[in-house]
Amino acid sequence: MNQNKFAEFIIIARKLNELDIVPLLMGSVGLEIITNKDWQAQDLDIHVPGDRRGWEVEPELVMDIIG
């Protein structure tokens, strides 16, 4: 399981929580957490409920959020 990617998600989630946003971990990292199986995650898939852009959130926005 990719602990580094999950740790990154926790950092991002805490920052979003400060803005009253509850993100949802998806994709292969999410599957790794649920199944305890290595899905060879290459990236982090985070869904922000209500965001009409879906997966199209710009990396710069994420960097602004996590500082």
N, C-alpha and C. Protein backbone atom coordinates (compact mmCIF):
# COMPACT_ATOMS: atom_id res chain seq x y z
N MET A 1 0.84 -1.18 0.00
CA MET A 1 0.00 0.00 0.00
C MET A 1 0.88 1.24 0.00
N ASN A 2 0.44 2.26 -0.71
CA ASN A 2 1.23 3.48 -0.85
C ASN A 2 0.89 4.46 0.27
N GLN A 3 1.64 4.37 1.36
CA GLN A 3 1.40 5.23 2.53
C GLN A 3 1.69 6.70 2.22
N ASN A 4 2.65 6.97 1.33
CA ASN A 4 2.98 8.36 1.01
C ASN A 4 1.81 9.08 0.37
N LYS A 5 1.16 8.44 -0.56
CA LYS A 5 0.02 9.07 -1.23
C LYS A 5 -1.14 9.25 -0.25
N PHE A 6 -1.36 8.28 0.61
CA PHE A 6 -2.42 8.41 1.60
C PHE A 6 -2.09 9.54 2.58
N ALA A 7 -0.84 9.66 2.97
CA ALA A 7 -0.43 10.75 3.86
C ALA A 7 -0.66 12.11 3.19
N GLU A 8 -0.39 12.20 1.89
CA GLU A 8 -0.64 13.43 1.15
C GLU A 8 -2.14 13.75 1.14
N PHE A 9 -2.96 12.71 0.95
CA PHE A 9 -4.40 12.93 0.97
C PHE A 9 -4.84 13.48 2.32
N ILE A 10 -4.31 12.95 3.41
CA ILE A 10 -4.66 13.42 4.75
C ILE A 10 -4.31 14.90 4.91
N ILE A 11 -3.15 15.30 4.42
CA ILE A 11 -2.75 16.71 4.49
C ILE A 11 -3.73 17.59 3.73
N ILE A 12 -4.05 17.18 2.50
CA ILE A 12 -4.99 17.94 1.67
C ILE A 12 -6.36 17.96 2.31
N ALA A 13 -6.83 16.81 2.80
CA ALA A 13 -8.15 16.72 3.41
C ALA A 13 -8.27 17.64 4.63
N ARG A 14 -7.25 17.69 5.45
CA ARG A 14 -7.28 18.56 6.63
C ARG A 14 -7.39 20.04 6.23
N LYS A 15 -6.64 20.41 5.21
CA LYS A 15 -6.72 21.80 4.73
C LYS A 15 -8.11 22.11 4.18
N LEU A 16 -8.67 21.18 3.41
CA LEU A 16 -10.01 21.38 2.87
C LEU A 16 -11.05 21.40 3.99
N ASN A 17 -10.86 20.56 5.01
CA ASN A 17 -11.78 20.54 6.15
C ASN A 17 -11.83 21.90 6.83
N GLU A 18 -10.69 22.61 6.88
CA GLU A 18 -10.66 23.95 7.47
C GLU A 18 -11.57 24.91 6.72
N LEU A 19 -11.86 24.59 5.45
CA LEU A 19 -12.75 25.39 4.61
C LEU A 19 -14.15 24.80 4.55
N ASP A 20 -14.43 23.86 5.46
CA ASP A 20 -15.71 23.14 5.51
C ASP A 20 -15.99 22.35 4.25
N ILE A 21 -14.93 21.82 3.65
CA ILE A 21 -15.04 20.96 2.48
C ILE A 21 -14.61 19.55 2.90
N VAL A 22 -15.43 18.56 2.55
CA VAL A 22 -15.12 17.17 2.89
C VAL A 22 -14.80 16.42 1.60
N PRO A 23 -13.50 16.20 1.33
CA PRO A 23 -13.12 15.50 0.11
C PRO A 23 -13.31 14.00 0.24
N LEU A 24 -13.40 13.34 -0.89
CA LEU A 24 -13.57 11.89 -0.92
C LEU A 24 -12.38 11.28 -1.66
N LEU A 25 -11.68 10.37 -1.00
CA LEU A 25 -10.55 9.68 -1.63
C LEU A 25 -11.10 8.60 -2.55
N MET A 26 -10.65 8.61 -3.78
CA MET A 26 -11.13 7.63 -4.76
C MET A 26 -9.95 6.98 -5.46
N GLY A 27 -10.21 6.28 -6.53
CA GLY A 27 -9.16 5.69 -7.35
C GLY A 27 -8.41 4.58 -6.64
N SER A 28 -7.21 4.31 -7.15
CA SER A 28 -6.44 3.18 -6.66
C SER A 28 -5.98 3.35 -5.21
N VAL A 29 -5.68 4.58 -4.79
CA VAL A 29 -5.29 4.77 -3.38
C VAL A 29 -6.48 4.46 -2.48
N GLY A 30 -7.67 4.90 -2.87
CA GLY A 30 -8.87 4.58 -2.11
C GLY A 30 -9.11 3.08 -2.04
N LEU A 31 -8.90 2.39 -3.16
CA LEU A 31 -9.04 0.94 -3.18
C LEU A 31 -8.01 0.27 -2.27
N GLU A 32 -6.80 0.81 -2.25
CA GLU A 32 -5.77 0.23 -1.39
C GLU A 32 -6.17 0.31 0.08
N ILE A 33 -6.77 1.43 0.47
CA ILE A 33 -7.20 1.60 1.86
C ILE A 33 -8.32 0.63 2.19
N ILE A 34 -9.27 0.47 1.30
CA ILE A 34 -10.42 -0.39 1.57
C ILE A 34 -10.06 -1.87 1.49
N THR A 35 -9.25 -2.26 0.51
CA THR A 35 -8.98 -3.69 0.28
C THR A 35 -7.68 -4.17 0.91
N ASN A 36 -6.82 -3.23 1.34
CA ASN A 36 -5.51 -3.58 1.87
C ASN A 36 -4.68 -4.38 0.86
N LYS A 37 -4.88 -4.01 -0.42
CA LYS A 37 -4.16 -4.66 -1.52
C LYS A 37 -3.43 -3.58 -2.32
N ASP A 38 -2.26 -3.90 -2.85
CA ASP A 38 -1.48 -2.95 -3.64
C ASP A 38 -2.07 -2.84 -5.05
N TRP A 39 -2.61 -1.67 -5.37
CA TRP A 39 -3.16 -1.43 -6.70
C TRP A 39 -2.20 -0.59 -7.55
N GLN A 40 -0.96 -0.42 -7.08
CA GLN A 40 0.08 0.32 -7.81
C GLN A 40 -0.38 1.72 -8.19
N ALA A 41 -0.82 2.45 -7.19
CA ALA A 41 -1.32 3.80 -7.40
C ALA A 41 -0.25 4.70 -8.00
N GLN A 42 -0.62 5.45 -9.01
CA GLN A 42 0.28 6.39 -9.67
C GLN A 42 -0.05 7.84 -9.31
N ASP A 43 -1.26 8.06 -8.84
CA ASP A 43 -1.69 9.42 -8.52
C ASP A 43 -2.73 9.39 -7.42
N LEU A 44 -3.20 10.56 -7.06
CA LEU A 44 -4.23 10.70 -6.04
C LEU A 44 -5.51 11.17 -6.71
N ASP A 45 -6.58 10.46 -6.55
CA ASP A 45 -7.88 10.86 -7.08
C ASP A 45 -8.74 11.34 -5.92
N ILE A 46 -8.99 12.64 -5.91
CA ILE A 46 -9.78 13.25 -4.84
C ILE A 46 -11.00 13.90 -5.46
N HIS A 47 -12.17 13.56 -4.96
CA HIS A 47 -13.41 14.18 -5.41
C HIS A 47 -13.87 15.16 -4.35
N VAL A 48 -14.22 16.35 -4.79
CA VAL A 48 -14.79 17.35 -3.90
C VAL A 48 -16.27 17.45 -4.24
N PRO A 49 -17.14 16.97 -3.35
CA PRO A 49 -18.58 17.00 -3.63
C PRO A 49 -19.07 18.39 -4.03
N GLY A 50 -19.85 18.44 -5.08
CA GLY A 50 -20.39 19.70 -5.57
C GLY A 50 -19.53 20.40 -6.59
N ASP A 51 -18.30 19.95 -6.80
CA ASP A 51 -17.42 20.58 -7.79
C ASP A 51 -17.78 20.05 -9.17
N ARG A 52 -18.35 20.91 -9.99
CA ARG A 52 -18.79 20.50 -11.33
C ARG A 52 -17.64 20.15 -12.25
N ARG A 53 -16.41 20.55 -11.88
CA ARG A 53 -15.26 20.24 -12.74
C ARG A 53 -14.80 18.80 -12.60
N GLY A 54 -15.33 18.10 -11.61
CA GLY A 54 -14.94 16.70 -11.43
C GLY A 54 -13.46 16.56 -11.20
N TRP A 55 -12.79 15.82 -12.08
CA TRP A 55 -11.36 15.55 -11.94
C TRP A 55 -10.49 16.62 -12.56
N GLU A 56 -11.07 17.68 -13.08
CA GLU A 56 -10.31 18.68 -13.82
C GLU A 56 -9.75 19.81 -12.97
N VAL A 57 -9.60 19.60 -11.69
CA VAL A 57 -9.07 20.63 -10.81
C VAL A 57 -7.58 20.84 -11.13
N GLU A 58 -7.22 22.09 -11.32
CA GLU A 58 -5.85 22.43 -11.68
C GLU A 58 -4.88 22.13 -10.54
N PRO A 59 -3.69 21.57 -10.84
CA PRO A 59 -2.70 21.30 -9.80
C PRO A 59 -2.31 22.54 -9.00
N GLU A 60 -2.32 23.70 -9.66
CA GLU A 60 -1.97 24.94 -8.96
C GLU A 60 -2.96 25.23 -7.83
N LEU A 61 -4.24 24.91 -8.04
CA LEU A 61 -5.25 25.12 -7.01
C LEU A 61 -4.96 24.25 -5.80
N VAL A 62 -4.58 23.02 -6.04
CA VAL A 62 -4.25 22.12 -4.94
C VAL A 62 -3.04 22.66 -4.19
N MET A 63 -2.05 23.15 -4.90
CA MET A 63 -0.86 23.69 -4.25
C MET A 63 -1.20 24.93 -3.43
N ASP A 64 -2.15 25.76 -3.91
CA ASP A 64 -2.58 26.92 -3.15
C ASP A 64 -3.25 26.50 -1.84
N ILE A 65 -4.00 25.40 -1.90
CA ILE A 65 -4.73 24.93 -0.72
C ILE A 65 -3.77 24.37 0.31
N ILE A 66 -2.81 23.54 -0.13
CA ILE A 66 -1.93 22.89 0.85
C ILE A 66 -0.73 23.75 1.20
N GLY A 67 -0.51 24.82 0.45
CA GLY A 67 0.55 25.77 0.78
C GLY A 67 1.88 25.25 0.48
